[in-house]
Amino acid sequence: QVQLVESGGGVVQTGGSLKLSCVVSGNFFRLNMMGWSRQTPGKERELVASITTGGLAEYDDAVQDRFTITRDKATDYLQMNNLNPEETAIYFCRAQSGPNLSYEYDYWGRGTQVTVGS
């Protein structure tokens, strides 16, 4: 069984920073993609950032230049700077694995709450 455990969420003031972490454990193929999505009540989950096993990172336009995703084997990190209240959400870690660089298996963590005060 594969588990993803997030940490690092909390409360921060506008303009502040937080660093989220996600550790993946269990039996899985190579983690070809790891990433973070966020969700607020009544809205769909949206992708924030992702990173491949080769280190290629992609970001949503809204967080470009403020967020940085990195990874070390089965752990990834999301450094979030200059946060604003609209980014208050539950942040979910995601990992995709499979043979031959596929994304056949899709795993999600339970999420960590990020609250940005005004």
C-alpha atoms as a PDB file:
ATOM      1  CA  GLN A   1       0.000   0.000   0.000  1.00  0.00           C
ATOM      2  CA  VAL A   2       1.298   3.419  -0.930  1.00  0.00           C
ATOM      3  CA  GLN A   3       0.976   6.314   1.499  1.00  0.00           C
ATOM      4  CA  LEU A   4       1.602  10.006   0.992  1.00  0.00           C
ATOM      5  CA  VAL A   5       1.989  12.098   4.108  1.00  0.00           C
ATOM      6  CA  GLU A   6       2.036  15.871   3.891  1.00  0.00           C
ATOM      7  CA  SER A   7       3.350  18.275   6.496  1.00  0.00           C
ATOM      8  CA  GLY A   8       4.213  21.928   6.842  1.00  0.00           C
ATOM      9  CA  GLY A   9       0.814  23.537   6.558  1.00  0.00           C
ATOM     10  CA  GLY A  10      -0.293  26.211   8.992  1.00  0.00           C
ATOM     11  CA  VAL A  11      -1.305  29.814   9.411  1.00  0.00           C
ATOM     12  CA  VAL A  12       0.711  32.666   7.952  1.00  0.00           C
ATOM     13  CA  GLN A  13       0.098  36.344   7.323  1.00  0.00           C
ATOM     14  CA  THR A  14      -0.149  37.914   3.891  1.00  0.00           C
ATOM     15  CA  GLY A  15       3.282  38.040   2.320  1.00  0.00           C
ATOM     16  CA  GLY A  16       4.563  35.218   4.482  1.00  0.00           C
ATOM     17  CA  SER A  17       6.106  31.889   3.536  1.00  0.00           C
ATOM     18  CA  LEU A  18       5.530  28.219   4.210  1.00  0.00           C
ATOM     19  CA  LYS A  19       7.303  25.061   3.094  1.00  0.00           C
ATOM     20  CA  LEU A  20       5.276  21.922   2.548  1.00  0.00           C
ATOM     21  CA  SER A  21       6.737  18.426   2.512  1.00  0.00           C
ATOM     22  CA  CYS A  22       5.393  15.136   1.210  1.00  0.00           C
ATOM     23  CA  VAL A  23       6.858  11.728   1.933  1.00  0.00           C
ATOM     24  CA  VAL A  24       5.814   8.724  -0.131  1.00  0.00           C
ATOM     25  CA  SER A  25       6.156   5.248   1.361  1.00  0.00           C
ATOM     26  CA  GLY A  26       5.180   1.724   0.385  1.00  0.00           C
ATOM     27  CA  ASN A  27       5.713  -0.380  -2.689  1.00  0.00           C
ATOM     28  CA  PHE A  28       5.580   1.505  -5.954  1.00  0.00           C
ATOM     29  CA  PHE A  29       7.208   1.830  -9.332  1.00  0.00           C
ATOM     30  CA  ARG A  30       9.476   4.784  -9.871  1.00  0.00           C
ATOM     31  CA  LEU A  31       7.696   8.026  -9.030  1.00  0.00           C
ATOM     32  CA  ASN A  32       7.650   9.598 -12.462  1.00  0.00           C
ATOM     33  CA  MET A  33       5.798  12.671 -11.331  1.00  0.00           C
ATOM     34  CA  MET A  34       5.225  14.347  -7.988  1.00  0.00           C
ATOM     35  CA  GLY A  35       3.224  17.458  -7.436  1.00  0.00           C
ATOM     36  CA  TRP A  36       0.913  19.626  -5.398  1.00  0.00           C
ATOM     37  CA  SER A  37      -2.667  20.663  -5.956  1.00  0.00           C
ATOM     38  CA  ARG A  38      -4.946  22.798  -3.827  1.00  0.00           C
ATOM     39  CA  GLN A  39      -8.654  23.015  -3.231  1.00  0.00           C
ATOM     40  CA  THR A  40     -11.025  25.449  -1.567  1.00  0.00           C
ATOM     41  CA  PRO A  41     -14.653  24.705  -0.670  1.00  0.00           C
ATOM     42  CA  GLY A  42     -16.933  24.746  -3.682  1.00  0.00           C
ATOM     43  CA  LYS A  43     -14.098  24.777  -6.183  1.00  0.00           C
ATOM     44  CA  GLU A  44     -12.326  22.116  -8.165  1.00  0.00           C
ATOM     45  CA  ARG A  45      -8.889  20.944  -7.175  1.00  0.00           C
ATOM     46  CA  GLU A  46      -6.263  22.826  -9.157  1.00  0.00           C
ATOM     47  CA  LEU A  47      -2.697  21.892  -9.970  1.00  0.00           C
ATOM     48  CA  VAL A  48      -0.136  24.194  -8.392  1.00  0.00           C
ATOM     49  CA  ALA A  49       3.187  22.629  -9.304  1.00  0.00           C
ATOM     50  CA  SER A  50       4.689  19.370 -10.485  1.00  0.00           C
ATOM     51  CA  ILE A  51       8.130  17.891 -10.967  1.00  0.00           C
ATOM     52  CA  THR A  52       9.332  14.902 -12.925  1.00  0.00           C
ATOM     53  CA  THR A  53      11.857  12.309 -11.872  1.00  0.00           C
ATOM     54  CA  GLY A  54      14.357  14.194 -14.005  1.00  0.00           C
ATOM     55  CA  GLY A  55      13.742  17.448 -12.156  1.00  0.00           C
ATOM     56  CA  LEU A  56      11.639  19.222 -14.753  1.00  0.00           C
ATOM     57  CA  ALA A  57       9.264  21.522 -12.862  1.00  0.00           C
ATOM     58  CA  GLU A  58       6.069  23.176 -14.032  1.00  0.00           C
ATOM     59  CA  TYR A  59       3.920  25.756 -12.279  1.00  0.00           C
ATOM     60  CA  ASP A  60       0.505  27.278 -12.524  1.00  0.00           C
ATOM     61  CA  ASP A  61       0.788  30.845 -13.802  1.00  0.00           C
ATOM     62  CA  ALA A  62      -0.609  32.181 -10.531  1.00  0.00           C
ATOM     63  CA  VAL A  63       2.333  30.866  -8.503  1.00  0.00           C
ATOM     64  CA  GLN A  64       5.161  31.198 -10.994  1.00  0.00           C
ATOM     65  CA  ASP A  65       8.170  32.974  -9.462  1.00  0.00           C
ATOM     66  CA  ARG A  66       6.773  32.621  -5.928  1.00  0.00           C
ATOM     67  CA  PHE A  67       6.570  28.869  -5.435  1.00  0.00           C
ATOM     68  CA  THR A  68       9.384  26.370  -5.891  1.00  0.00           C
ATOM     69  CA  ILE A  69       8.961  22.621  -6.061  1.00  0.00           C
ATOM     70  CA  THR A  70      11.881  20.301  -5.419  1.00  0.00           C
ATOM     71  CA  ARG A  71      12.260  16.623  -4.753  1.00  0.00           C
ATOM     72  CA  ASP A  72      14.655  14.111  -3.290  1.00  0.00           C
ATOM     73  CA  LYS A  73      13.745  10.551  -4.289  1.00  0.00           C
ATOM     74  CA  ALA A  74      10.365   9.859  -2.656  1.00  0.00           C
ATOM     75  CA  THR A  75      10.027  13.205  -0.903  1.00  0.00           C
ATOM     76  CA  ASP A  76       9.014  16.466  -2.454  1.00  0.00           C
ATOM     77  CA  TYR A  77       8.830  19.994  -1.146  1.00  0.00           C
ATOM     78  CA  LEU A  78       6.878  23.082  -2.031  1.00  0.00           C
ATOM     79  CA  GLN A  79       8.380  26.373  -0.935  1.00  0.00           C
ATOM     80  CA  MET A  80       5.678  29.030  -1.015  1.00  0.00           C
ATOM     81  CA  ASN A  81       6.607  32.700  -0.752  1.00  0.00           C
ATOM     82  CA  ASN A  82       4.623  35.907  -0.727  1.00  0.00           C
ATOM     83  CA  LEU A  83       1.358  34.130   0.053  1.00  0.00           C
ATOM     84  CA  ASN A  84      -1.978  35.918  -0.215  1.00  0.00           C
ATOM     85  CA  PRO A  85      -5.371  35.183   1.382  1.00  0.00           C
ATOM     86  CA  GLU A  86      -6.805  33.792  -1.871  1.00  0.00           C
ATOM     87  CA  GLU A  87      -4.324  30.936  -1.537  1.00  0.00           C
ATOM     88  CA  THR A  88      -5.956  29.662   1.621  1.00  0.00           C
ATOM     89  CA  ALA A  89      -6.777  26.056   0.779  1.00  0.00           C
ATOM     90  CA  ILE A  90      -6.095  22.438   1.492  1.00  0.00           C
ATOM     91  CA  TYR A  91      -2.915  21.454  -0.308  1.00  0.00           C
ATOM     92  CA  PHE A  92      -2.685  17.890  -1.551  1.00  0.00           C
ATOM     93  CA  CYS A  93       0.407  15.958  -2.511  1.00  0.00           C
ATOM     94  CA  ARG A  94       0.160  13.798  -5.608  1.00  0.00           C
ATOM     95  CA  ALA A  95       2.435  11.094  -6.961  1.00  0.00           C
ATOM     96  CA  GLN A  96       2.188   9.229 -10.232  1.00  0.00           C
ATOM     97  CA  SER A  97       4.154   6.112 -10.982  1.00  0.00           C
ATOM     98  CA  GLY A  98       4.329   3.233 -13.399  1.00  0.00           C
ATOM     99  CA  PRO A  99       6.637   1.298 -15.686  1.00  0.00           C
ATOM    100  CA  ASN A 100       8.362   2.978 -18.594  1.00  0.00           C
ATOM    101  CA  LEU A 101       7.803   6.536 -17.350  1.00  0.00           C
ATOM    102  CA  SER A 102       4.046   6.029 -17.356  1.00  0.00           C
ATOM    103  CA  TYR A 103       1.556   7.587 -14.957  1.00  0.00           C
ATOM    104  CA  GLU A 104      -0.433   4.406 -14.581  1.00  0.00           C
ATOM    105  CA  TYR A 105      -0.769   4.646 -10.807  1.00  0.00           C
ATOM    106  CA  ASP A 106      -2.086   7.814  -9.235  1.00  0.00           C
ATOM    107  CA  TYR A 107      -1.780   8.470  -5.518  1.00  0.00           C
ATOM    108  CA  TRP A 108      -2.961  11.331  -3.314  1.00  0.00           C
ATOM    109  CA  GLY A 109      -2.267  12.428   0.209  1.00  0.00           C
ATOM    110  CA  ARG A 110      -4.943  13.536   2.647  1.00  0.00           C
ATOM    111  CA  GLY A 111      -3.944  17.170   2.435  1.00  0.00           C
ATOM    112  CA  THR A 112      -2.601  19.857   4.705  1.00  0.00           C
ATOM    113  CA  GLN A 113      -4.379  23.110   5.489  1.00  0.00           C
ATOM    114  CA  VAL A 114      -2.756  26.400   4.552  1.00  0.00           C
ATOM    115  CA  THR A 115      -4.398  29.540   5.892  1.00  0.00           C
ATOM    116  CA  VAL A 116      -3.229  33.001   4.891  1.00  0.00           C
ATOM    117  CA  GLY A 117      -4.485  35.827   7.064  1.00  0.00           C
ATOM    118  CA  SER A 118      -5.053  39.328   5.773  1.00  0.00           C
END
